[in-house]
């Protein structure tokens, strides 16, 4: 059965003429909130949702995400590794993600930069290198640009917007354009331990999708998360555990056709509990509360 699946996956992907590199959800925290993360973007996986968000990180952070067998298919495995380094000149990040298997492989390498004006307006940029390889057909590569902005509107509300592949890159012999996606949303933080996030995502090829998520922090140690989304319809949830420098997060999400799948992330923030408190209080601190 496995060889048949591999052949079918390869044929489907090849028929799309190399126009892959879909904008997918990365990171167990964001996935467990239904992918609603554009206006929160408060960990190293922000580079995949809104690159301006990494300017909220006060300390160095390293994270690893892996989904080994989405919906029971190892051929769809994907993962990422991210490194964020705050400096006096702004915040820099290096990221890499991979998708696929031995017959079909996508690799994306990203350099990110973010900064802020007065701690209330954050802006960021991704420079992406895309490489696609298909066994017996060779490989192709391209470059893409993502931009994002994040604004603290009040001491309890954020607004975020991000645009992906704004330069309309193409890859492969057919020169098909890579997906161009726009995301926007707001997040409300009535208490520093509670977040509600609403996102709208528009891929220029499809109808808009709406995503809603929430996160509740319990006694500084545990984060409980859930989310829903449309196009496709899905429900998600998860939990995160904080200890010293470490955060371990688990997420599950459902697909209307493919069923249930699981993902996990591990991150190390060198600020530890001090960093987590500073991030949770970033809104109130920005307004002097």
C-alpha atoms as a PDB file:
ATOM      1  CA  UNK A   1       0.000   0.000   0.000  1.00  0.00           C
ATOM      2  CA  UNK A   2       2.807   2.418   0.839  1.00  0.00           C
ATOM      3  CA  UNK A   3       4.373   2.354  -2.666  1.00  0.00           C
ATOM      4  CA  UNK A   4       0.948   3.150  -4.136  1.00  0.00           C
ATOM      5  CA  UNK A   5       0.548   6.134  -1.781  1.00  0.00           C
ATOM      6  CA  UNK A   6       4.000   7.418  -2.676  1.00  0.00           C
ATOM      7  CA  UNK A   7       3.259   7.156  -6.392  1.00  0.00           C
ATOM      8  CA  UNK A   8      -0.091   8.938  -6.035  1.00  0.00           C
ATOM      9  CA  UNK A   9       1.394  11.742  -3.920  1.00  0.00           C
ATOM     10  CA  UNK A  10       4.253  12.213  -6.374  1.00  0.00           C
ATOM     11  CA  UNK A  11       1.923  12.306  -9.388  1.00  0.00           C
ATOM     12  CA  UNK A  12      -0.402  14.834  -7.733  1.00  0.00           C
ATOM     13  CA  UNK A  13       2.465  17.091  -6.746  1.00  0.00           C
ATOM     14  CA  UNK A  14       4.150  16.842 -10.133  1.00  0.00           C
ATOM     15  CA  UNK A  15       0.921  17.647 -11.957  1.00  0.00           C
ATOM     16  CA  UNK A  16       0.902  20.987 -10.153  1.00  0.00           C
ATOM     17  CA  UNK A  17       4.029  21.904 -12.107  1.00  0.00           C
ATOM     18  CA  UNK A  18       6.269  22.597  -9.135  1.00  0.00           C
ATOM     19  CA  UNK A  19       3.946  25.344  -7.849  1.00  0.00           C
ATOM     20  CA  UNK A  20       4.111  24.146  -4.254  1.00  0.00           C
ATOM     21  CA  UNK A  21       5.457  25.731  -1.055  1.00  0.00           C
ATOM     22  CA  UNK A  22       1.991  26.200   0.386  1.00  0.00           C
ATOM     23  CA  UNK A  23       1.698  28.581   3.339  1.00  0.00           C
ATOM     24  CA  UNK A  24       1.028  25.996   6.049  1.00  0.00           C
ATOM     25  CA  UNK A  25       0.719  26.269   9.820  1.00  0.00           C
ATOM     26  CA  UNK A  26       3.999  25.683  11.676  1.00  0.00           C
ATOM     27  CA  UNK A  27       4.450  25.316  15.436  1.00  0.00           C
ATOM     28  CA  UNK A  28       2.297  23.459  17.942  1.00  0.00           C
ATOM     29  CA  UNK A  29       1.200  26.634  19.744  1.00  0.00           C
ATOM     30  CA  UNK A  30      -0.231  28.304  16.648  1.00  0.00           C
ATOM     31  CA  UNK A  31      -1.707  25.074  15.276  1.00  0.00           C
ATOM     32  CA  UNK A  32      -3.542  24.360  18.535  1.00  0.00           C
ATOM     33  CA  UNK A  33      -5.171  27.806  18.234  1.00  0.00           C
ATOM     34  CA  UNK A  34      -6.514  27.054  14.776  1.00  0.00           C
ATOM     35  CA  UNK A  35      -3.638  28.863  13.043  1.00  0.00           C
ATOM     36  CA  UNK A  36      -4.852  32.205  14.432  1.00  0.00           C
ATOM     37  CA  UNK A  37      -1.498  33.757  15.271  1.00  0.00           C
ATOM     38  CA  UNK A  38      -0.967  36.832  13.052  1.00  0.00           C
ATOM     39  CA  UNK A  39      -1.724  39.386  15.751  1.00  0.00           C
ATOM     40  CA  UNK A  40      -0.155  37.445  18.636  1.00  0.00           C
ATOM     41  CA  UNK A  41       3.043  36.121  17.019  1.00  0.00           C
ATOM     42  CA  UNK A  42       4.891  35.922  20.331  1.00  0.00           C
ATOM     43  CA  UNK A  43       7.381  33.092  19.814  1.00  0.00           C
ATOM     44  CA  UNK A  44       9.991  32.058  17.249  1.00  0.00           C
ATOM     45  CA  UNK A  45       7.415  30.489  14.910  1.00  0.00           C
ATOM     46  CA  UNK A  46       6.153  34.037  14.271  1.00  0.00           C
ATOM     47  CA  UNK A  47       8.353  34.083  11.153  1.00  0.00           C
ATOM     48  CA  UNK A  48       5.737  31.822   9.489  1.00  0.00           C
ATOM     49  CA  UNK A  49       2.762  33.996  10.475  1.00  0.00           C
ATOM     50  CA  UNK A  50       3.962  37.563  10.900  1.00  0.00           C
ATOM     51  CA  UNK A  51       7.716  38.251  10.858  1.00  0.00           C
ATOM     52  CA  UNK A  52       7.255  41.485  12.818  1.00  0.00           C
ATOM     53  CA  UNK A  53       6.289  39.406  15.841  1.00  0.00           C
ATOM     54  CA  UNK A  54       9.832  38.289  16.607  1.00  0.00           C
ATOM     55  CA  UNK A  55      10.610  41.851  17.724  1.00  0.00           C
ATOM     56  CA  UNK A  56       8.513  41.061  20.811  1.00  0.00           C
ATOM     57  CA  UNK A  57      11.065  38.470  21.951  1.00  0.00           C
ATOM     58  CA  UNK A  58      13.444  39.980  24.512  1.00  0.00           C
ATOM     59  CA  UNK A  59      15.802  36.975  24.673  1.00  0.00           C
ATOM     60  CA  UNK A  60      17.385  34.426  22.367  1.00  0.00           C
ATOM     61  CA  UNK A  61      15.111  31.549  21.422  1.00  0.00           C
ATOM     62  CA  UNK A  62      15.564  28.229  19.615  1.00  0.00           C
ATOM     63  CA  UNK A  63      12.660  25.982  18.638  1.00  0.00           C
ATOM     64  CA  UNK A  64      12.038  22.739  16.782  1.00  0.00           C
ATOM     65  CA  UNK A  65       8.716  21.598  15.320  1.00  0.00           C
ATOM     66  CA  UNK A  66       7.948  18.252  13.713  1.00  0.00           C
ATOM     67  CA  UNK A  67       4.907  16.508  12.307  1.00  0.00           C
ATOM     68  CA  UNK A  68       6.183  13.034  11.357  1.00  0.00           C
ATOM     69  CA  UNK A  69       3.036  11.536   9.855  1.00  0.00           C
ATOM     70  CA  UNK A  70       0.217  14.025   9.203  1.00  0.00           C
ATOM     71  CA  UNK A  71      -3.103  12.206   8.968  1.00  0.00           C
ATOM     72  CA  UNK A  72      -1.204   8.907   8.984  1.00  0.00           C
ATOM     73  CA  UNK A  73       0.857   9.698   5.864  1.00  0.00           C
ATOM     74  CA  UNK A  74       4.631   9.756   6.373  1.00  0.00           C
ATOM     75  CA  UNK A  75       4.964  11.114   2.844  1.00  0.00           C
ATOM     76  CA  UNK A  76       3.455  14.411   4.083  1.00  0.00           C
ATOM     77  CA  UNK A  77       5.918  14.824   6.971  1.00  0.00           C
ATOM     78  CA  UNK A  78       7.113  18.362   7.653  1.00  0.00           C
ATOM     79  CA  UNK A  79       9.093  20.216  10.262  1.00  0.00           C
ATOM     80  CA  UNK A  80      11.084  23.334  11.076  1.00  0.00           C
ATOM     81  CA  UNK A  81      13.892  24.731  13.190  1.00  0.00           C
ATOM     82  CA  UNK A  82      14.108  28.396  14.206  1.00  0.00           C
ATOM     83  CA  UNK A  83      16.720  30.578  15.866  1.00  0.00           C
ATOM     84  CA  UNK A  84      15.951  34.126  17.060  1.00  0.00           C
ATOM     85  CA  UNK A  85      18.619  36.569  18.248  1.00  0.00           C
ATOM     86  CA  UNK A  86      17.675  39.988  19.689  1.00  0.00           C
ATOM     87  CA  UNK A  87      20.343  42.709  19.286  1.00  0.00           C
ATOM     88  CA  UNK A  88      20.523  46.448  19.819  1.00  0.00           C
ATOM     89  CA  UNK A  89      20.007  46.841  16.058  1.00  0.00           C
ATOM     90  CA  UNK A  90      16.788  44.817  16.012  1.00  0.00           C
ATOM     91  CA  UNK A  91      15.878  41.145  16.110  1.00  0.00           C
ATOM     92  CA  UNK A  92      17.315  38.659  13.602  1.00  0.00           C
ATOM     93  CA  UNK A  93      16.200  35.101  12.908  1.00  0.00           C
ATOM     94  CA  UNK A  94      17.323  32.093  10.894  1.00  0.00           C
ATOM     95  CA  UNK A  95      14.785  29.393  10.028  1.00  0.00           C
ATOM     96  CA  UNK A  96      14.571  26.254   7.933  1.00  0.00           C
ATOM     97  CA  UNK A  97      11.630  24.003   7.137  1.00  0.00           C
ATOM     98  CA  UNK A  98      11.219  20.839   5.134  1.00  0.00           C
ATOM     99  CA  UNK A  99       8.281  19.002   3.615  1.00  0.00           C
ATOM    100  CA  UNK A 100       7.947  15.714   1.786  1.00  0.00           C
ATOM    101  CA  UNK A 101       9.834  12.436   1.446  1.00  0.00           C
ATOM    102  CA  UNK A 102      12.587  10.831  -0.644  1.00  0.00           C
ATOM    103  CA  UNK A 103      10.756  11.195  -3.978  1.00  0.00           C
ATOM    104  CA  UNK A 104       9.581  14.764  -3.433  1.00  0.00           C
ATOM    105  CA  UNK A 105      11.186  17.331  -1.144  1.00  0.00           C
ATOM    106  CA  UNK A 106      10.624  21.025  -0.456  1.00  0.00           C
ATOM    107  CA  UNK A 107      13.180  22.973   1.596  1.00  0.00           C
ATOM    108  CA  UNK A 108      12.807  26.602   2.643  1.00  0.00           C
ATOM    109  CA  UNK A 109      15.574  28.622   4.309  1.00  0.00           C
ATOM    110  CA  UNK A 110      14.646  32.018   5.774  1.00  0.00           C
ATOM    111  CA  UNK A 111      16.484  35.066   7.088  1.00  0.00           C
ATOM    112  CA  UNK A 112      14.280  37.431   9.101  1.00  0.00           C
ATOM    113  CA  UNK A 113      14.628  40.903  10.574  1.00  0.00           C
ATOM    114  CA  UNK A 114      12.236  42.837  12.825  1.00  0.00           C
ATOM    115  CA  UNK A 115      12.231  46.021  14.863  1.00  0.00           C
ATOM    116  CA  UNK A 116       9.773  48.428  16.467  1.00  0.00           C
ATOM    117  CA  UNK A 117       8.862  52.071  16.928  1.00  0.00           C
ATOM    118  CA  UNK A 118       8.300  53.013  20.556  1.00  0.00           C
ATOM    119  CA  UNK A 119       7.497  49.381  21.478  1.00  0.00           C
ATOM    120  CA  UNK A 120       3.988  49.814  19.992  1.00  0.00           C
ATOM    121  CA  UNK A 121       4.538  49.450  16.234  1.00  0.00           C
ATOM    122  CA  UNK A 122       6.500  46.377  15.112  1.00  0.00           C
ATOM    123  CA  UNK A 123       7.621  45.635  11.561  1.00  0.00           C
ATOM    124  CA  UNK A 124       9.405  42.686  10.002  1.00  0.00           C
ATOM    125  CA  UNK A 125      10.701  41.076   6.819  1.00  0.00           C
ATOM    126  CA  UNK A 126      11.476  37.533   5.621  1.00  0.00           C
ATOM    127  CA  UNK A 127      13.852  36.663   2.789  1.00  0.00           C
ATOM    128  CA  UNK A 128      13.141  33.090   1.688  1.00  0.00           C
ATOM    129  CA  UNK A 129      15.128  30.653  -0.414  1.00  0.00           C
ATOM    130  CA  UNK A 130      12.985  27.861  -1.891  1.00  0.00           C
ATOM    131  CA  UNK A 131      14.391  24.596  -3.201  1.00  0.00           C
ATOM    132  CA  UNK A 132      12.285  21.848  -4.747  1.00  0.00           C
ATOM    133  CA  UNK A 133      13.632  18.435  -5.756  1.00  0.00           C
ATOM    134  CA  UNK A 134      11.763  15.575  -7.437  1.00  0.00           C
ATOM    135  CA  UNK A 135      13.573  12.286  -7.864  1.00  0.00           C
ATOM    136  CA  UNK A 136      14.512  11.602 -11.501  1.00  0.00           C
ATOM    137  CA  UNK A 137      13.260  15.067 -12.506  1.00  0.00           C
ATOM    138  CA  UNK A 138      15.918  17.292 -10.928  1.00  0.00           C
ATOM    139  CA  UNK A 139      15.544  20.374  -8.763  1.00  0.00           C
ATOM    140  CA  UNK A 140      14.634  24.046  -8.998  1.00  0.00           C
ATOM    141  CA  UNK A 141      14.893  27.066  -6.708  1.00  0.00           C
ATOM    142  CA  UNK A 142      13.579  30.578  -6.204  1.00  0.00           C
ATOM    143  CA  UNK A 143      13.495  33.492  -3.750  1.00  0.00           C
ATOM    144  CA  UNK A 144      10.534  35.081  -1.965  1.00  0.00           C
ATOM    145  CA  UNK A 145       9.804  38.049   0.290  1.00  0.00           C
ATOM    146  CA  UNK A 146       7.326  38.288   3.173  1.00  0.00           C
ATOM    147  CA  UNK A 147       6.461  41.425   5.153  1.00  0.00           C
ATOM    148  CA  UNK A 148       4.506  42.022   8.324  1.00  0.00           C
ATOM    149  CA  UNK A 149       3.393  44.660  10.820  1.00  0.00           C
ATOM    150  CA  UNK A 150       2.061  44.364  14.367  1.00  0.00           C
ATOM    151  CA  UNK A 151       0.486  47.269  16.269  1.00  0.00           C
ATOM    152  CA  UNK A 152      -0.421  47.580  19.939  1.00  0.00           C
ATOM    153  CA  UNK A 153      -3.746  49.430  19.721  1.00  0.00           C
ATOM    154  CA  UNK A 154      -4.520  49.562  23.445  1.00  0.00           C
ATOM    155  CA  UNK A 155      -3.223  47.951  26.603  1.00  0.00           C
ATOM    156  CA  UNK A 156      -5.395  44.915  25.816  1.00  0.00           C
ATOM    157  CA  UNK A 157      -5.541  44.718  21.991  1.00  0.00           C
ATOM    158  CA  UNK A 158      -3.151  44.008  19.110  1.00  0.00           C
ATOM    159  CA  UNK A 159      -3.629  44.217  15.340  1.00  0.00           C
ATOM    160  CA  UNK A 160      -1.457  42.315  12.886  1.00  0.00           C
ATOM    161  CA  UNK A 161      -1.065  42.006   9.117  1.00  0.00           C
ATOM    162  CA  UNK A 162       1.301  39.936   6.986  1.00  0.00           C
ATOM    163  CA  UNK A 163       1.784  39.351   3.245  1.00  0.00           C
ATOM    164  CA  UNK A 164       3.660  36.340   1.876  1.00  0.00           C
ATOM    165  CA  UNK A 165       5.498  36.063  -1.452  1.00  0.00           C
ATOM    166  CA  UNK A 166       4.847  39.716  -2.253  1.00  0.00           C
ATOM    167  CA  UNK A 167       7.383  39.541  -5.108  1.00  0.00           C
ATOM    168  CA  UNK A 168       5.366  36.763  -6.823  1.00  0.00           C
ATOM    169  CA  UNK A 169       8.195  34.214  -7.095  1.00  0.00           C
ATOM    170  CA  UNK A 170       7.967  31.211  -9.411  1.00  0.00           C
ATOM    171  CA  UNK A 171       9.784  27.898  -9.398  1.00  0.00           C
ATOM    172  CA  UNK A 172      10.214  25.017 -11.848  1.00  0.00           C
ATOM    173  CA  UNK A 173      10.099  24.616 -15.597  1.00  0.00           C
ATOM    174  CA  UNK A 174       6.489  25.824 -15.865  1.00  0.00           C
ATOM    175  CA  UNK A 175       7.294  29.015 -13.927  1.00  0.00           C
ATOM    176  CA  UNK A 176       4.044  28.776 -11.986  1.00  0.00           C
ATOM    177  CA  UNK A 177       3.697  31.394  -9.299  1.00  0.00           C
ATOM    178  CA  UNK A 178       4.078  30.369  -5.675  1.00  0.00           C
ATOM    179  CA  UNK A 179       1.079  31.012  -3.412  1.00  0.00           C
ATOM    180  CA  UNK A 180       0.534  34.643  -2.491  1.00  0.00           C
ATOM    181  CA  UNK A 181      -1.224  34.887   0.857  1.00  0.00           C
ATOM    182  CA  UNK A 182      -2.451  37.772   3.024  1.00  0.00           C
ATOM    183  CA  UNK A 183      -3.289  37.477   6.721  1.00  0.00           C
ATOM    184  CA  UNK A 184      -4.815  39.979   9.097  1.00  0.00           C
ATOM    185  CA  UNK A 185      -6.300  39.837  12.551  1.00  0.00           C
ATOM    186  CA  UNK A 186      -6.766  41.157  16.054  1.00  0.00           C
ATOM    187  CA  UNK A 187      -6.015  39.684  19.446  1.00  0.00           C
ATOM    188  CA  UNK A 188      -7.627  40.671  22.724  1.00  0.00           C
ATOM    189  CA  UNK A 189      -5.920  40.155  26.077  1.00  0.00           C
ATOM    190  CA  UNK A 190      -8.398  40.946  28.883  1.00  0.00           C
ATOM    191  CA  UNK A 191      -5.901  39.527  31.399  1.00  0.00           C
ATOM    192  CA  UNK A 192      -2.206  38.837  30.940  1.00  0.00           C
ATOM    193  CA  UNK A 193      -2.906  35.101  31.215  1.00  0.00           C
ATOM    194  CA  UNK A 194      -5.714  35.019  28.604  1.00  0.00           C
ATOM    195  CA  UNK A 195      -5.685  35.668  24.841  1.00  0.00           C
ATOM    196  CA  UNK A 196      -8.410  35.578  22.193  1.00  0.00           C
ATOM    197  CA  UNK A 197      -7.276  35.764  18.562  1.00  0.00           C
ATOM    198  CA  UNK A 198      -9.234  36.254  15.327  1.00  0.00           C
ATOM    199  CA  UNK A 199      -7.574  35.928  11.910  1.00  0.00           C
ATOM    200  CA  UNK A 200      -8.714  36.216   8.317  1.00  0.00           C
ATOM    201  CA  UNK A 201      -6.510  34.590   5.663  1.00  0.00           C
ATOM    202  CA  UNK A 202      -6.788  35.118   1.902  1.00  0.00           C
ATOM    203  CA  UNK A 203      -4.861  33.019  -0.588  1.00  0.00           C
ATOM    204  CA  UNK A 204      -5.276  34.773  -3.941  1.00  0.00           C
ATOM    205  CA  UNK A 205      -6.317  31.435  -5.489  1.00  0.00           C
ATOM    206  CA  UNK A 206      -9.063  30.554  -3.010  1.00  0.00           C
ATOM    207  CA  UNK A 207     -11.859  31.912  -0.846  1.00  0.00           C
ATOM    208  CA  UNK A 208     -10.938  33.597   2.429  1.00  0.00           C
ATOM    209  CA  UNK A 209     -10.746  31.522   5.599  1.00  0.00           C
ATOM    210  CA  UNK A 210     -11.520  32.635   9.143  1.00  0.00           C
ATOM    211  CA  UNK A 211      -9.627  31.364  12.179  1.00  0.00           C
ATOM    212  CA  UNK A 212     -10.298  31.826  15.874  1.00  0.00           C
ATOM    213  CA  UNK A 213      -8.149  30.727  18.802  1.00  0.00           C
ATOM    214  CA  UNK A 214      -7.692  31.146  22.530  1.00  0.00           C
ATOM    215  CA  UNK A 215      -4.923  30.556  25.057  1.00  0.00           C
ATOM    216  CA  UNK A 216      -5.212  30.365  28.849  1.00  0.00           C
ATOM    217  CA  UNK A 217      -2.166  30.262  31.117  1.00  0.00           C
ATOM    218  CA  UNK A 218      -2.565  28.338  34.377  1.00  0.00           C
ATOM    219  CA  UNK A 219      -0.213  29.156  37.279  1.00  0.00           C
ATOM    220  CA  UNK A 220       2.614  30.141  34.886  1.00  0.00           C
ATOM    221  CA  UNK A 221       3.301  26.468  34.201  1.00  0.00           C
ATOM    222  CA  UNK A 222       0.652  25.296  31.743  1.00  0.00           C
ATOM    223  CA  UNK A 223      -0.922  26.835  28.628  1.00  0.00           C
ATOM    224  CA  UNK A 224      -4.288  25.473  27.464  1.00  0.00           C
ATOM    225  CA  UNK A 225      -5.221  26.256  23.847  1.00  0.00           C
ATOM    226  CA  UNK A 226      -8.018  25.652  21.375  1.00  0.00           C
ATOM    227  CA  UNK A 227      -9.140  26.923  18.003  1.00  0.00           C
ATOM    228  CA  UNK A 228     -11.485  26.581  15.043  1.00  0.00           C
ATOM    229  CA  UNK A 229     -11.217  27.485  11.387  1.00  0.00           C
ATOM    230  CA  UNK A 230     -13.023  27.509   8.059  1.00  0.00           C
ATOM    231  CA  UNK A 231     -12.003  26.609   4.479  1.00  0.00           C
ATOM    232  CA  UNK A 232     -11.323  23.857   5.344  1.00  0.00           C
ATOM    233  CA  UNK A 233     -13.475  23.399   8.420  1.00  0.00           C
ATOM    234  CA  UNK A 234     -11.373  22.248  11.376  1.00  0.00           C
ATOM    235  CA  UNK A 235     -11.107  22.109  15.139  1.00  0.00           C
ATOM    236  CA  UNK A 236      -7.845  22.114  17.100  1.00  0.00           C
ATOM    237  CA  UNK A 237      -6.519  22.109  20.618  1.00  0.00           C
ATOM    238  CA  UNK A 238      -3.404  21.560  22.625  1.00  0.00           C
ATOM    239  CA  UNK A 239      -1.369  22.159  25.730  1.00  0.00           C
ATOM    240  CA  UNK A 240       2.006  23.664  26.569  1.00  0.00           C
ATOM    241  CA  UNK A 241       4.251  23.032  29.566  1.00  0.00           C
ATOM    242  CA  UNK A 242       6.728  25.655  30.813  1.00  0.00           C
ATOM    243  CA  UNK A 243       9.715  24.829  32.966  1.00  0.00           C
ATOM    244  CA  UNK A 244      12.843  26.934  33.380  1.00  0.00           C
ATOM    245  CA  UNK A 245      14.153  27.685  29.848  1.00  0.00           C
ATOM    246  CA  UNK A 246      11.932  25.102  28.187  1.00  0.00           C
ATOM    247  CA  UNK A 247       8.496  24.963  26.623  1.00  0.00           C
ATOM    248  CA  UNK A 248       7.059  21.698  25.319  1.00  0.00           C
ATOM    249  CA  UNK A 249       3.850  22.017  23.327  1.00  0.00           C
ATOM    250  CA  UNK A 250       1.455  19.477  21.861  1.00  0.00           C
ATOM    251  CA  UNK A 251      -1.270  20.156  19.296  1.00  0.00           C
ATOM    252  CA  UNK A 252      -3.965  18.170  17.569  1.00  0.00           C
ATOM    253  CA  UNK A 253      -6.167  19.275  14.735  1.00  0.00           C
ATOM    254  CA  UNK A 254      -8.888  17.777  12.611  1.00  0.00           C
ATOM    255  CA  UNK A 255      -9.461  18.015   8.865  1.00  0.00           C
ATOM    256  CA  UNK A 256     -12.935  17.686   7.382  1.00  0.00           C
ATOM    257  CA  UNK A 257     -11.740  14.996   4.955  1.00  0.00           C
ATOM    258  CA  UNK A 258      -8.521  13.559   6.402  1.00  0.00           C
ATOM    259  CA  UNK A 259      -9.418  13.200  10.077  1.00  0.00           C
ATOM    260  CA  UNK A 260      -7.185  13.782  13.115  1.00  0.00           C
ATOM    261  CA  UNK A 261      -3.448  14.462  13.338  1.00  0.00           C
ATOM    262  CA  UNK A 262      -0.885  15.408  16.015  1.00  0.00           C
ATOM    263  CA  UNK A 263       2.119  17.768  16.181  1.00  0.00           C
ATOM    264  CA  UNK A 264       4.731  18.773  18.722  1.00  0.00           C
ATOM    265  CA  UNK A 265       7.197  21.595  19.400  1.00  0.00           C
ATOM    266  CA  UNK A 266      10.079  22.138  21.797  1.00  0.00           C
ATOM    267  CA  UNK A 267      11.530  25.590  22.415  1.00  0.00           C
ATOM    268  CA  UNK A 268      14.314  26.984  24.554  1.00  0.00           C
ATOM    269  CA  UNK A 269      14.071  30.637  25.516  1.00  0.00           C
ATOM    270  CA  UNK A 270      17.232  31.814  27.247  1.00  0.00           C
ATOM    271  CA  UNK A 271      15.254  34.278  29.363  1.00  0.00           C
ATOM    272  CA  UNK A 272      13.239  31.503  30.964  1.00  0.00           C
ATOM    273  CA  UNK A 273      10.404  32.610  33.229  1.00  0.00           C
ATOM    274  CA  UNK A 274      11.571  36.234  33.024  1.00  0.00           C
ATOM    275  CA  UNK A 275      11.069  36.159  29.253  1.00  0.00           C
ATOM    276  CA  UNK A 276       7.610  34.564  29.514  1.00  0.00           C
ATOM    277  CA  UNK A 277       6.445  37.220  31.998  1.00  0.00           C
ATOM    278  CA  UNK A 278       7.841  40.019  29.857  1.00  0.00           C
ATOM    279  CA  UNK A 279       6.063  38.734  26.754  1.00  0.00           C
ATOM    280  CA  UNK A 280       2.757  38.288  28.607  1.00  0.00           C
ATOM    281  CA  UNK A 281       3.029  41.825  29.991  1.00  0.00           C
ATOM    282  CA  UNK A 282       4.265  43.464  26.784  1.00  0.00           C
ATOM    283  CA  UNK A 283       0.955  45.192  26.052  1.00  0.00           C
ATOM    284  CA  UNK A 284       0.499  46.746  29.487  1.00  0.00           C
ATOM    285  CA  UNK A 285       4.198  47.665  29.681  1.00  0.00           C
ATOM    286  CA  UNK A 286       4.045  49.441  26.307  1.00  0.00           C
ATOM    287  CA  UNK A 287       1.269  51.711  27.657  1.00  0.00           C
ATOM    288  CA  UNK A 288       2.953  52.219  31.025  1.00  0.00           C
ATOM    289  CA  UNK A 289       0.430  50.206  33.025  1.00  0.00           C
END
